[in-house]
Amino acid sequence: ELIEAVHWEIKGHLPFPIETAQIDFYILSEFVEDNVKKLDLIVAACPKHLIDRTLSIAEKSGLRTTHLDVAPFALWNSLLTWDRYDIEEGVVLIDLGAEKTGIHLFKAGNLQFSREITPAGNDITRAIMEGIGLEGDTNALYERAERIKKEVGIPSETHSEKTGEILRPFDKHRAQDESVNLSKISFLIRPVLERMAAEISRSLDYYKSQFYIERIDRVLLTGGGANLKNIT
């Protein structure tokens, strides 16, 4: 009965047909409301073709798959190996990926809120592309913007204004890698970072109001974007 109820309840929340989805759930707790016993669940759903693709990649790589998890729990399991962490803390994991930014909130070891937003890492790269854009190969322009992003990161206002530093060519043999002013890079990516910060702030405010949480103890950055200089 619970399996059928979960399928019925989640049907209206999926962006894809429920018939194409693999669905699983976990019981977080039981409680009584108006003399009726209820269950607090967390439900995960994924299109079956994406699962099949992932398993196929693992198999062709010579790996034997024993478990397939969703990103928040995979990150959480990694976090549990970190001995400086108190499991009773309220923790936000901000997973900075290329196509999306994940916001996952845990309290006392339970996932209470999860959301994926944009912008993400590729949006920063595209913003740099628009500012340094030259006619020519789009792929080459993208690669150059990626190199600038990884080399420079997020220039601080004081750093770029006081020193007027110039980003020197990454490869002296590439004519397109002419020097780029750090203040210009900061100007290009600022709107992307402001949108990202606003979405993260909005998500945390929603979480605190929904769960009556006054304090979040720790915010941890994960994903490739966490390596971006000055992102913290």
C-alpha atoms as a PDB file:
ATOM      1  CA  GLU A   1       0.000   0.000   0.000  1.00  0.00           C
ATOM      2  CA  LEU A   2       2.836   2.386   0.833  1.00  0.00           C
ATOM      3  CA  ILE A   3       4.533   1.760  -2.522  1.00  0.00           C
ATOM      4  CA  GLU A   4       1.301   2.551  -4.363  1.00  0.00           C
ATOM      5  CA  ALA A   5       0.724   5.656  -2.212  1.00  0.00           C
ATOM      6  CA  VAL A   6       4.233   6.949  -2.926  1.00  0.00           C
ATOM      7  CA  HIS A   7       3.756   6.512  -6.670  1.00  0.00           C
ATOM      8  CA  TRP A   8       0.437   8.352  -6.528  1.00  0.00           C
ATOM      9  CA  GLU A   9       1.764  11.236  -4.406  1.00  0.00           C
ATOM     10  CA  ILE A  10       4.934  11.813  -6.417  1.00  0.00           C
ATOM     11  CA  LYS A  11       3.264  11.640  -9.814  1.00  0.00           C
ATOM     12  CA  GLY A  12       2.485  15.345  -9.958  1.00  0.00           C
ATOM     13  CA  HIS A  13       5.980  16.381  -8.908  1.00  0.00           C
ATOM     14  CA  LEU A  14       7.998  14.667 -11.642  1.00  0.00           C
ATOM     15  CA  PRO A  15       9.149  16.436 -14.808  1.00  0.00           C
ATOM     16  CA  PHE A  16       8.965  13.111 -16.666  1.00  0.00           C
ATOM     17  CA  PRO A  17       6.332  10.334 -16.972  1.00  0.00           C
ATOM     18  CA  ILE A  18       6.147   8.193 -13.845  1.00  0.00           C
ATOM     19  CA  GLU A  19       5.986   5.084 -16.031  1.00  0.00           C
ATOM     20  CA  THR A  20       9.577   5.766 -17.130  1.00  0.00           C
ATOM     21  CA  ALA A  21      10.911   6.281 -13.600  1.00  0.00           C
ATOM     22  CA  GLN A  22      12.623   4.117 -11.037  1.00  0.00           C
ATOM     23  CA  ILE A  23      11.300   5.181  -7.625  1.00  0.00           C
ATOM     24  CA  ASP A  24      12.544   4.393  -4.152  1.00  0.00           C
ATOM     25  CA  PHE A  25      11.864   5.820  -0.710  1.00  0.00           C
ATOM     26  CA  TYR A  26      13.134   5.815   2.851  1.00  0.00           C
ATOM     27  CA  ILE A  27      11.079   6.253   6.031  1.00  0.00           C
ATOM     28  CA  LEU A  28      12.579   9.067   8.088  1.00  0.00           C
ATOM     29  CA  SER A  29      10.157   8.966  11.008  1.00  0.00           C
ATOM     30  CA  GLU A  30       6.665   8.165  12.238  1.00  0.00           C
ATOM     31  CA  PHE A  31       4.395  10.669  13.970  1.00  0.00           C
ATOM     32  CA  VAL A  32       0.768  11.103  15.025  1.00  0.00           C
ATOM     33  CA  GLU A  33      -1.331  13.978  13.708  1.00  0.00           C
ATOM     34  CA  ASP A  34      -5.032  14.326  14.561  1.00  0.00           C
ATOM     35  CA  ASN A  35      -4.938  10.825  16.063  1.00  0.00           C
ATOM     36  CA  VAL A  36      -3.712   9.417  12.757  1.00  0.00           C
ATOM     37  CA  LYS A  37      -0.320   7.774  12.392  1.00  0.00           C
ATOM     38  CA  LYS A  38       1.657   9.271   9.526  1.00  0.00           C
ATOM     39  CA  LEU A  39       5.037   8.685   7.954  1.00  0.00           C
ATOM     40  CA  ASP A  40       7.671  11.205   7.010  1.00  0.00           C
ATOM     41  CA  LEU A  41       9.362   9.937   3.841  1.00  0.00           C
ATOM     42  CA  ILE A  42      12.098  10.959   1.513  1.00  0.00           C
ATOM     43  CA  VAL A  43      11.531   9.810  -2.056  1.00  0.00           C
ATOM     44  CA  ALA A  44      13.976   9.557  -4.952  1.00  0.00           C
ATOM     45  CA  ALA A  45      13.004   9.187  -8.606  1.00  0.00           C
ATOM     46  CA  CYS A  46      15.111   8.863 -11.736  1.00  0.00           C
ATOM     47  CA  PRO A  47      14.344   8.065 -15.387  1.00  0.00           C
ATOM     48  CA  LYS A  48      15.221   4.428 -16.020  1.00  0.00           C
ATOM     49  CA  HIS A  49      17.263   5.214 -19.141  1.00  0.00           C
ATOM     50  CA  LEU A  50      19.653   7.349 -17.086  1.00  0.00           C
ATOM     51  CA  ILE A  51      20.127   4.518 -14.616  1.00  0.00           C
ATOM     52  CA  ASP A  52      20.733   2.063 -17.457  1.00  0.00           C
ATOM     53  CA  ARG A  53      23.294   4.431 -18.997  1.00  0.00           C
ATOM     54  CA  THR A  54      25.151   4.829 -15.710  1.00  0.00           C
ATOM     55  CA  LEU A  55      25.241   1.088 -15.109  1.00  0.00           C
ATOM     56  CA  SER A  56      26.421   0.501 -18.681  1.00  0.00           C
ATOM     57  CA  ILE A  57      29.314   2.948 -18.237  1.00  0.00           C
ATOM     58  CA  ALA A  58      30.342   1.197 -15.028  1.00  0.00           C
ATOM     59  CA  GLU A  59      30.122  -2.236 -16.649  1.00  0.00           C
ATOM     60  CA  LYS A  60      32.185  -1.203 -19.689  1.00  0.00           C
ATOM     61  CA  SER A  61      34.780   0.240 -17.319  1.00  0.00           C
ATOM     62  CA  GLY A  62      35.196  -3.163 -15.720  1.00  0.00           C
ATOM     63  CA  LEU A  63      33.376  -2.264 -12.515  1.00  0.00           C
ATOM     64  CA  ARG A  64      30.789  -4.373 -10.707  1.00  0.00           C
ATOM     65  CA  THR A  65      27.984  -2.148  -9.461  1.00  0.00           C
ATOM     66  CA  THR A  66      26.563  -3.008  -6.059  1.00  0.00           C
ATOM     67  CA  HIS A  67      24.713   0.202  -5.251  1.00  0.00           C
ATOM     68  CA  LEU A  68      23.425   3.263  -7.086  1.00  0.00           C
ATOM     69  CA  ASP A  69      22.738   6.377  -5.041  1.00  0.00           C
ATOM     70  CA  VAL A  70      21.560   9.931  -5.567  1.00  0.00           C
ATOM     71  CA  ALA A  71      24.005  12.831  -5.228  1.00  0.00           C
ATOM     72  CA  PRO A  72      23.036  14.197  -1.776  1.00  0.00           C
ATOM     73  CA  PHE A  73      23.460  10.811  -0.091  1.00  0.00           C
ATOM     74  CA  ALA A  74      26.681  10.070  -1.949  1.00  0.00           C
ATOM     75  CA  LEU A  75      28.095  13.367  -0.692  1.00  0.00           C
ATOM     76  CA  TRP A  76      26.796  12.653   2.795  1.00  0.00           C
ATOM     77  CA  ASN A  77      28.453   9.234   2.919  1.00  0.00           C
ATOM     78  CA  SER A  78      31.737  10.877   1.948  1.00  0.00           C
ATOM     79  CA  LEU A  79      31.252  13.469   4.679  1.00  0.00           C
ATOM     80  CA  LEU A  80      30.828  10.789   7.327  1.00  0.00           C
ATOM     81  CA  THR A  81      34.496   9.864   6.901  1.00  0.00           C
ATOM     82  CA  TRP A  82      35.480  13.383   8.016  1.00  0.00           C
ATOM     83  CA  ASP A  83      36.324  13.073  11.705  1.00  0.00           C
ATOM     84  CA  ARG A  84      35.899  16.786  12.460  1.00  0.00           C
ATOM     85  CA  TYR A  85      32.175  16.589  11.774  1.00  0.00           C
ATOM     86  CA  ASP A  86      29.459  16.432  14.470  1.00  0.00           C
ATOM     87  CA  ILE A  87      26.535  14.379  13.189  1.00  0.00           C
ATOM     88  CA  GLU A  88      24.040  16.459  15.195  1.00  0.00           C
ATOM     89  CA  GLU A  89      24.999  19.644  13.364  1.00  0.00           C
ATOM     90  CA  GLY A  90      22.872  21.351  10.765  1.00  0.00           C
ATOM     91  CA  VAL A  91      24.968  21.122   7.603  1.00  0.00           C
ATOM     92  CA  VAL A  92      24.502  22.591   4.144  1.00  0.00           C
ATOM     93  CA  LEU A  93      26.324  20.940   1.261  1.00  0.00           C
ATOM     94  CA  ILE A  94      26.623  23.250  -1.739  1.00  0.00           C
ATOM     95  CA  ASP A  95      27.705  21.114  -4.680  1.00  0.00           C
ATOM     96  CA  LEU A  96      29.160  23.384  -7.349  1.00  0.00           C
ATOM     97  CA  GLY A  97      28.951  21.470 -10.612  1.00  0.00           C
ATOM     98  CA  ALA A  98      29.347  22.466 -14.240  1.00  0.00           C
ATOM     99  CA  GLU A  99      25.685  22.419 -15.298  1.00  0.00           C
ATOM    100  CA  LYS A 100      23.932  22.845 -11.945  1.00  0.00           C
ATOM    101  CA  THR A 101      24.483  23.794  -8.326  1.00  0.00           C
ATOM    102  CA  GLY A 102      23.081  21.434  -5.701  1.00  0.00           C
ATOM    103  CA  ILE A 103      21.934  22.644  -2.285  1.00  0.00           C
ATOM    104  CA  HIS A 104      21.478  19.805   0.222  1.00  0.00           C
ATOM    105  CA  LEU A 105      20.588  20.394   3.869  1.00  0.00           C
ATOM    106  CA  PHE A 106      21.096  17.786   6.572  1.00  0.00           C
ATOM    107  CA  LYS A 107      20.069  17.921  10.213  1.00  0.00           C
ATOM    108  CA  ALA A 108      21.102  15.213  12.676  1.00  0.00           C
ATOM    109  CA  GLY A 109      22.045  12.989   9.752  1.00  0.00           C
ATOM    110  CA  ASN A 110      18.744  13.324   7.888  1.00  0.00           C
ATOM    111  CA  LEU A 111      18.359  14.988   4.503  1.00  0.00           C
ATOM    112  CA  GLN A 112      15.668  17.605   5.033  1.00  0.00           C
ATOM    113  CA  PHE A 113      15.894  19.710   1.907  1.00  0.00           C
ATOM    114  CA  SER A 114      17.457  19.301  -1.530  1.00  0.00           C
ATOM    115  CA  ARG A 115      17.343  21.603  -4.529  1.00  0.00           C
ATOM    116  CA  GLU A 116      19.255  22.050  -7.762  1.00  0.00           C
ATOM    117  CA  ILE A 117      19.689  25.530  -9.183  1.00  0.00           C
ATOM    118  CA  THR A 118      21.439  27.488 -11.866  1.00  0.00           C
ATOM    119  CA  PRO A 119      23.757  29.257 -12.486  1.00  0.00           C
ATOM    120  CA  ALA A 120      26.702  26.875 -12.210  1.00  0.00           C
ATOM    121  CA  GLY A 121      30.309  26.580 -13.344  1.00  0.00           C
ATOM    122  CA  ASN A 122      29.653  26.642 -17.070  1.00  0.00           C
ATOM    123  CA  ASP A 123      27.720  29.900 -16.693  1.00  0.00           C
ATOM    124  CA  ILE A 124      30.858  31.537 -15.312  1.00  0.00           C
ATOM    125  CA  THR A 125      32.822  30.241 -18.292  1.00  0.00           C
ATOM    126  CA  ARG A 126      30.220  31.547 -20.748  1.00  0.00           C
ATOM    127  CA  ALA A 127      30.258  34.964 -19.073  1.00  0.00           C
ATOM    128  CA  ILE A 128      34.021  35.160 -19.595  1.00  0.00           C
ATOM    129  CA  MET A 129      33.559  34.038 -23.209  1.00  0.00           C
ATOM    130  CA  GLU A 130      31.188  36.912 -23.900  1.00  0.00           C
ATOM    131  CA  GLY A 131      33.701  39.418 -22.585  1.00  0.00           C
ATOM    132  CA  ILE A 132      36.760  38.113 -24.429  1.00  0.00           C
ATOM    133  CA  GLY A 133      34.856  36.965 -27.496  1.00  0.00           C
ATOM    134  CA  LEU A 134      36.718  37.037 -30.755  1.00  0.00           C
ATOM    135  CA  GLU A 135      35.650  35.703 -34.093  1.00  0.00           C
ATOM    136  CA  GLY A 136      36.822  32.187 -34.656  1.00  0.00           C
ATOM    137  CA  ASP A 137      36.425  28.685 -33.287  1.00  0.00           C
ATOM    138  CA  THR A 138      33.809  28.583 -30.499  1.00  0.00           C
ATOM    139  CA  ASN A 139      35.436  25.542 -28.929  1.00  0.00           C
ATOM    140  CA  ALA A 140      38.787  27.304 -28.780  1.00  0.00           C
ATOM    141  CA  LEU A 141      37.144  30.341 -27.185  1.00  0.00           C
ATOM    142  CA  TYR A 142      35.456  28.126 -24.601  1.00  0.00           C
ATOM    143  CA  GLU A 143      38.742  26.403 -23.766  1.00  0.00           C
ATOM    144  CA  ARG A 144      40.434  29.769 -23.325  1.00  0.00           C
ATOM    145  CA  ALA A 145      37.656  31.000 -21.017  1.00  0.00           C
ATOM    146  CA  GLU A 146      37.976  27.796 -18.993  1.00  0.00           C
ATOM    147  CA  ARG A 147      41.719  28.338 -18.610  1.00  0.00           C
ATOM    148  CA  ILE A 148      41.151  31.908 -17.459  1.00  0.00           C
ATOM    149  CA  LYS A 149      38.530  30.759 -14.958  1.00  0.00           C
ATOM    150  CA  LYS A 150      40.787  28.092 -13.464  1.00  0.00           C
ATOM    151  CA  GLU A 151      43.860  30.322 -13.395  1.00  0.00           C
ATOM    152  CA  VAL A 152      42.264  33.502 -12.056  1.00  0.00           C
ATOM    153  CA  GLY A 153      39.179  32.318 -10.192  1.00  0.00           C
ATOM    154  CA  ILE A 154      37.288  35.257  -8.695  1.00  0.00           C
ATOM    155  CA  PRO A 155      39.493  38.357  -8.525  1.00  0.00           C
ATOM    156  CA  SER A 156      38.898  40.378  -5.383  1.00  0.00           C
ATOM    157  CA  GLU A 157      37.999  44.024  -5.929  1.00  0.00           C
ATOM    158  CA  THR A 158      40.907  45.278  -3.837  1.00  0.00           C
ATOM    159  CA  HIS A 159      43.337  42.981  -5.613  1.00  0.00           C
ATOM    160  CA  SER A 160      42.381  44.006  -9.130  1.00  0.00           C
ATOM    161  CA  GLU A 161      41.913  47.704  -8.392  1.00  0.00           C
ATOM    162  CA  LYS A 162      45.021  48.302  -6.305  1.00  0.00           C
ATOM    163  CA  THR A 163      47.502  46.332  -8.351  1.00  0.00           C
ATOM    164  CA  GLY A 164      45.912  46.595 -11.774  1.00  0.00           C
ATOM    165  CA  GLU A 165      47.304  43.138 -12.422  1.00  0.00           C
ATOM    166  CA  ILE A 166      47.135  41.642 -15.860  1.00  0.00           C
ATOM    167  CA  LEU A 167      46.555  37.983 -16.545  1.00  0.00           C
ATOM    168  CA  ARG A 168      49.507  36.909 -18.641  1.00  0.00           C
ATOM    169  CA  PRO A 169      49.201  34.458 -21.523  1.00  0.00           C
ATOM    170  CA  PHE A 170      48.714  30.843 -20.504  1.00  0.00           C
ATOM    171  CA  ASP A 171      50.550  29.669 -23.581  1.00  0.00           C
ATOM    172  CA  LYS A 172      52.905  32.057 -25.320  1.00  0.00           C
ATOM    173  CA  HIS A 173      52.474  30.036 -28.498  1.00  0.00           C
ATOM    174  CA  ARG A 174      48.734  30.791 -28.674  1.00  0.00           C
ATOM    175  CA  ALA A 175      47.986  34.171 -30.163  1.00  0.00           C
ATOM    176  CA  GLN A 176      44.464  34.250 -28.748  1.00  0.00           C
ATOM    177  CA  ASP A 177      45.781  34.185 -25.175  1.00  0.00           C
ATOM    178  CA  GLU A 178      46.568  37.873 -25.014  1.00  0.00           C
ATOM    179  CA  SER A 179      46.627  39.492 -21.590  1.00  0.00           C
ATOM    180  CA  VAL A 180      43.304  40.020 -19.828  1.00  0.00           C
ATOM    181  CA  ASN A 181      42.696  42.640 -17.154  1.00  0.00           C
ATOM    182  CA  LEU A 182      41.649  41.101 -13.838  1.00  0.00           C
ATOM    183  CA  SER A 183      39.130  43.856 -13.139  1.00  0.00           C
ATOM    184  CA  LYS A 184      37.423  42.984 -16.423  1.00  0.00           C
ATOM    185  CA  ILE A 185      37.155  39.318 -15.411  1.00  0.00           C
ATOM    186  CA  SER A 186      35.615  40.377 -12.101  1.00  0.00           C
ATOM    187  CA  PHE A 187      33.114  42.586 -13.941  1.00  0.00           C
ATOM    188  CA  LEU A 188      32.143  39.767 -16.323  1.00  0.00           C
ATOM    189  CA  ILE A 189      31.447  37.093 -13.730  1.00  0.00           C
ATOM    190  CA  ARG A 190      29.921  39.279 -11.005  1.00  0.00           C
ATOM    191  CA  PRO A 191      26.303  39.010 -12.313  1.00  0.00           C
ATOM    192  CA  VAL A 192      26.584  35.203 -12.402  1.00  0.00           C
ATOM    193  CA  LEU A 193      27.907  35.055  -8.849  1.00  0.00           C
ATOM    194  CA  GLU A 194      25.219  37.433  -7.618  1.00  0.00           C
ATOM    195  CA  ARG A 195      22.474  35.235  -9.109  1.00  0.00           C
ATOM    196  CA  MET A 196      24.056  32.141  -7.567  1.00  0.00           C
ATOM    197  CA  ALA A 197      24.346  33.792  -4.142  1.00  0.00           C
ATOM    198  CA  ALA A 198      20.736  35.007  -4.334  1.00  0.00           C
ATOM    199  CA  GLU A 199      19.414  31.511  -5.154  1.00  0.00           C
ATOM    200  CA  ILE A 200      21.445  29.935  -2.348  1.00  0.00           C
ATOM    201  CA  SER A 201      20.247  32.567   0.127  1.00  0.00           C
ATOM    202  CA  ARG A 202      16.642  32.101  -0.965  1.00  0.00           C
ATOM    203  CA  SER A 203      16.922  28.325  -0.514  1.00  0.00           C
ATOM    204  CA  LEU A 204      18.393  28.650   2.987  1.00  0.00           C
ATOM    205  CA  ASP A 205      15.709  31.138   4.028  1.00  0.00           C
ATOM    206  CA  TYR A 206      12.992  28.787   2.763  1.00  0.00           C
ATOM    207  CA  TYR A 207      14.531  25.870   4.635  1.00  0.00           C
ATOM    208  CA  LYS A 208      14.805  27.769   7.904  1.00  0.00           C
ATOM    209  CA  SER A 209      11.215  29.004   7.694  1.00  0.00           C
ATOM    210  CA  GLN A 210       9.777  25.589   6.762  1.00  0.00           C
ATOM    211  CA  PHE A 211      11.637  23.663   9.456  1.00  0.00           C
ATOM    212  CA  TYR A 212      11.762  26.436  12.065  1.00  0.00           C
ATOM    213  CA  ILE A 213      15.552  26.341  12.110  1.00  0.00           C
ATOM    214  CA  GLU A 214      17.327  29.335  13.612  1.00  0.00           C
ATOM    215  CA  ARG A 215      20.880  28.260  12.959  1.00  0.00           C
ATOM    216  CA  ILE A 216      22.857  26.407  10.317  1.00  0.00           C
ATOM    217  CA  ASP A 217      26.103  25.195  11.862  1.00  0.00           C
ATOM    218  CA  ARG A 218      28.232  24.527   8.842  1.00  0.00           C
ATOM    219  CA  VAL A 219      28.331  25.187   5.101  1.00  0.00           C
ATOM    220  CA  LEU A 220      30.576  22.957   2.995  1.00  0.00           C
ATOM    221  CA  LEU A 221      31.449  23.446  -0.671  1.00  0.00           C
ATOM    222  CA  THR A 222      31.864  20.375  -2.868  1.00  0.00           C
ATOM    223  CA  GLY A 223      32.162  19.660  -6.580  1.00  0.00           C
ATOM    224  CA  GLY A 224      34.639  20.936  -9.139  1.00  0.00           C
ATOM    225  CA  GLY A 225      33.551  24.536  -8.646  1.00  0.00           C
ATOM    226  CA  ALA A 226      34.695  24.390  -5.013  1.00  0.00           C
ATOM    227  CA  ASN A 227      38.267  24.585  -6.348  1.00  0.00           C
ATOM    228  CA  LEU A 228      37.644  28.000  -7.887  1.00  0.00           C
ATOM    229  CA  LYS A 229      39.975  30.540  -6.323  1.00  0.00           C
ATOM    230  CA  ASN A 230      38.263  32.854  -3.806  1.00  0.00           C
ATOM    231  CA  ILE A 231      34.879  31.080  -4.191  1.00  0.00           C
ATOM    232  CA  THR A 232      34.658  30.619  -0.411  1.00  0.00           C
END
